[in-house]
Amino acid sequence: MRGMIMALAMGAAALAGCSKPAADAGSNTTNAGTAPVAAAPAAPAAAVVTPGPPGPITLAQLPAPTAGKWARVSTQNGKSEPPSSKCLNGRPIDPLDGMKMPCSKMDARRTDSGGFVVIAACANGAGIEAKLKLSGEGDFARRFSTDATLDMTGGPGGGVHIKNHSAWTYAGPSCAGVPS
């Protein structure tokens, strides 16, 4: 059971701003040895934030970061995590990327600045329940940040509270160097 809690905790860190790739779009794995990029290459001119007024949205209306390699610098529960990189496919952010349990309720809304907030209630069927809040802000073409909070109850070690902040920088259209 402790392994399940750790897998969920790691999923919470991974989901902070990740998109699942299409089956033929390459890897969605991270490379902890990849340092963040100092200056972001030019991103395509296409808008990646779905325009619209603040308020409720569908998950399909979440921002879609530019396809390609992204560098990430994160802190989890106040501690720095090793820099990593991830290949994103240009599709809307998947707030459940890395979660190992289904969520019965998910509400998303667009912020005044064009960012987003997703609130989810999840359960694994074995007594563990999780409440997730994921928010993201930025231009989603060259830079964005995400904040995730995951509170779990019902596990053998008591409640778990995870807070993650990630800063994402576009590293270029090629996902070379990101393991598959």
Protein backbone atom coordinates (compact mmCIF):
# COMPACT_ATOMS: atom_id res chain seq x y z
CA MET A 1 0.00 0.00 0.00
CA ARG A 2 2.89 2.38 0.76
CA GLY A 3 4.11 1.78 -2.80
CA MET A 4 0.73 2.89 -4.14
CA ILE A 5 0.91 6.11 -2.13
CA MET A 6 4.41 6.80 -3.43
CA ALA A 7 3.30 6.10 -7.02
CA LEU A 8 0.44 8.57 -6.59
CA ALA A 9 2.78 11.13 -5.07
CA MET A 10 5.18 10.78 -7.99
CA GLY A 11 2.22 11.04 -10.36
CA ALA A 12 1.22 14.32 -8.72
CA ALA A 13 4.65 15.74 -9.48
CA ALA A 14 4.54 14.47 -13.04
CA LEU A 15 1.06 15.77 -13.70
CA ALA A 16 1.99 19.30 -12.88
CA GLY A 17 1.75 20.49 -16.45
CA CYS A 18 2.19 17.43 -18.60
CA SER A 19 0.42 16.27 -21.74
CA LYS A 20 0.14 12.69 -22.89
CA PRO A 21 1.64 12.12 -26.33
CA ALA A 22 -0.23 10.55 -29.21
CA ALA A 23 0.73 6.92 -29.81
CA ASP A 24 3.04 7.97 -32.64
CA ALA A 25 4.21 11.28 -31.15
CA GLY A 26 7.19 10.00 -29.18
CA SER A 27 8.04 9.76 -25.52
CA ASN A 28 6.36 11.29 -22.52
CA THR A 29 9.16 10.38 -20.12
CA THR A 30 11.41 12.72 -18.19
CA ASN A 31 15.18 12.88 -18.09
CA ALA A 32 16.32 14.04 -14.66
CA GLY A 33 19.83 14.77 -15.97
CA THR A 34 18.71 17.40 -18.46
CA ALA A 35 19.41 20.94 -17.28
CA PRO A 36 16.95 23.75 -17.99
CA VAL A 37 17.52 25.84 -21.07
CA ALA A 38 18.83 29.39 -20.47
CA ALA A 39 17.00 31.04 -23.38
CA ALA A 40 13.98 29.53 -25.05
CA PRO A 41 14.09 29.07 -28.82
CA ALA A 42 11.40 30.83 -30.77
CA ALA A 43 8.10 29.01 -30.56
CA PRO A 44 5.61 28.73 -33.41
CA ALA A 45 3.39 31.80 -33.76
CA ALA A 46 0.17 29.80 -33.39
CA ALA A 47 -1.81 30.55 -30.25
CA VAL A 48 -1.74 27.74 -27.72
CA VAL A 49 -4.12 29.18 -25.15
CA THR A 50 -7.74 28.56 -26.09
CA PRO A 51 -9.24 32.05 -26.13
CA GLY A 52 -12.34 32.85 -24.20
CA PRO A 53 -13.69 34.55 -21.12
CA PRO A 54 -12.85 33.43 -17.59
CA GLY A 55 -15.15 30.77 -16.21
CA PRO A 56 -15.94 27.06 -16.55
CA ILE A 57 -14.30 25.18 -19.44
CA THR A 58 -13.99 21.60 -20.62
CA LEU A 59 -10.71 19.67 -20.30
CA ALA A 60 -10.35 19.96 -24.10
CA GLN A 61 -10.19 23.74 -23.64
CA LEU A 62 -7.15 23.62 -21.34
CA PRO A 63 -4.03 25.31 -22.74
CA ALA A 64 -1.98 23.26 -25.22
CA PRO A 65 1.75 23.92 -24.76
CA THR A 66 3.81 24.09 -27.96
CA ALA A 67 4.78 20.63 -29.23
CA GLY A 68 8.39 19.70 -28.55
CA LYS A 69 10.91 19.44 -25.75
CA TRP A 70 10.26 21.36 -22.53
CA ALA A 71 12.70 21.86 -19.63
CA ARG A 72 11.24 21.77 -16.13
CA VAL A 73 12.54 23.00 -12.78
CA SER A 74 10.41 21.95 -9.78
CA THR A 75 10.08 22.13 -6.05
CA GLN A 76 8.05 19.57 -4.14
CA ASN A 77 7.01 20.29 -0.57
CA GLY A 78 9.57 23.10 -0.57
CA LYS A 79 12.50 20.93 -1.70
CA SER A 80 14.17 21.35 -5.10
CA GLU A 81 13.80 18.43 -7.49
CA PRO A 82 16.44 17.59 -10.13
CA PRO A 83 15.85 19.48 -13.41
CA SER A 84 14.12 17.36 -16.05
CA SER A 85 12.76 17.54 -19.56
CA LYS A 86 9.62 16.21 -21.18
CA CYS A 87 8.38 15.88 -24.73
CA LEU A 88 4.92 17.45 -25.08
CA ASN A 89 2.71 16.83 -28.10
CA GLY A 90 0.88 20.14 -28.55
CA ARG A 91 -2.38 18.80 -27.14
CA PRO A 92 -4.21 20.28 -24.14
CA ILE A 93 -2.62 19.67 -20.75
CA ASP A 94 -3.79 16.43 -19.15
CA PRO A 95 -4.29 17.15 -15.44
CA LEU A 96 -4.30 13.42 -14.64
CA ASP A 97 -1.07 12.51 -16.46
CA GLY A 98 0.75 10.18 -14.09
CA MET A 99 -2.23 9.52 -11.79
CA LYS A 100 -2.87 5.87 -11.09
CA MET A 101 -6.51 6.26 -10.01
CA PRO A 102 -9.69 7.41 -11.72
CA CYS A 103 -11.34 10.69 -10.81
CA SER A 104 -15.12 10.78 -10.44
CA LYS A 105 -15.30 14.57 -10.52
CA MET A 106 -13.19 17.10 -12.42
CA ASP A 107 -14.00 20.77 -12.77
CA ALA A 108 -11.91 23.14 -14.89
CA ARG A 109 -12.06 26.90 -15.29
CA ARG A 110 -10.14 29.54 -17.22
CA THR A 111 -8.58 32.35 -15.18
CA ASP A 112 -8.73 36.05 -16.05
CA SER A 113 -5.19 35.81 -17.46
CA GLY A 114 -5.92 32.83 -19.74
CA GLY A 115 -4.47 30.25 -17.37
CA PHE A 116 -6.45 27.47 -15.76
CA VAL A 117 -7.46 25.75 -12.52
CA VAL A 118 -8.59 22.10 -12.33
CA ILE A 119 -10.10 20.56 -9.18
CA ALA A 120 -10.51 16.77 -9.08
CA ALA A 121 -11.81 14.16 -6.62
CA CYS A 122 -10.29 10.71 -7.13
CA ALA A 123 -10.45 7.28 -5.47
CA ASN A 124 -8.73 3.95 -6.08
CA GLY A 125 -11.56 1.68 -4.88
CA ALA A 126 -9.41 0.37 -2.01
CA GLY A 127 -10.15 3.18 0.42
CA ILE A 128 -7.59 5.74 -0.75
CA GLU A 129 -9.10 9.06 -1.80
CA ALA A 130 -7.31 12.01 -3.33
CA LYS A 131 -8.19 15.64 -3.89
CA LEU A 132 -6.19 17.40 -6.59
CA LYS A 133 -5.88 21.07 -7.44
CA LEU A 134 -3.78 21.96 -10.49
CA SER A 135 -3.32 25.48 -11.80
CA GLY A 136 -1.22 26.87 -14.62
CA GLU A 137 -0.28 30.32 -15.91
CA GLY A 138 1.91 31.60 -18.73
CA ASP A 139 1.92 31.97 -22.48
CA PHE A 140 2.14 28.15 -23.01
CA ALA A 141 4.18 28.82 -26.16
CA ARG A 142 7.55 29.54 -24.52
CA ARG A 143 7.01 29.47 -20.76
CA PHE A 144 4.45 28.50 -18.18
CA SER A 145 4.28 27.43 -14.56
CA THR A 146 2.08 24.95 -12.75
CA ASP A 147 1.14 24.49 -9.12
CA ALA A 148 -0.32 21.20 -7.92
CA THR A 149 -1.66 20.23 -4.51
CA LEU A 150 -2.59 16.63 -3.80
CA ASP A 151 -4.18 15.56 -0.51
CA MET A 152 -4.66 11.82 0.03
CA THR A 153 -6.46 10.01 2.84
CA GLY A 154 -7.15 6.39 3.67
CA GLY A 155 -3.64 5.00 3.20
CA PRO A 156 -1.79 2.87 5.74
CA GLY A 157 0.55 5.69 6.79
CA GLY A 158 -2.11 8.33 7.30
CA GLY A 159 -2.79 11.38 5.20
CA VAL A 160 -0.37 12.63 2.57
CA HIS A 161 -0.06 16.26 1.44
CA ILE A 162 2.03 17.06 -1.64
CA LYS A 163 2.61 20.53 -3.01
CA ASN A 164 4.50 20.94 -6.30
CA HIS A 165 5.55 24.04 -8.24
CA SER A 166 7.08 23.62 -11.72
CA ALA A 167 8.49 26.22 -14.10
CA TRP A 168 8.48 25.09 -17.74
CA THR A 169 10.63 26.52 -20.57
CA TYR A 170 10.30 25.56 -24.24
CA ALA A 171 13.57 23.98 -25.39
CA GLY A 172 12.76 23.42 -29.08
CA PRO A 173 10.74 21.34 -31.53
CA SER A 174 13.01 18.28 -31.39
CA CYS A 175 12.60 15.81 -28.56
CA ALA A 176 16.11 14.46 -29.13
CA GLY A 177 17.75 13.61 -25.84
CA VAL A 178 14.48 12.77 -24.13
CA PRO A 179 14.46 8.98 -23.61
CA SER A 180 11.55 6.97 -24.94
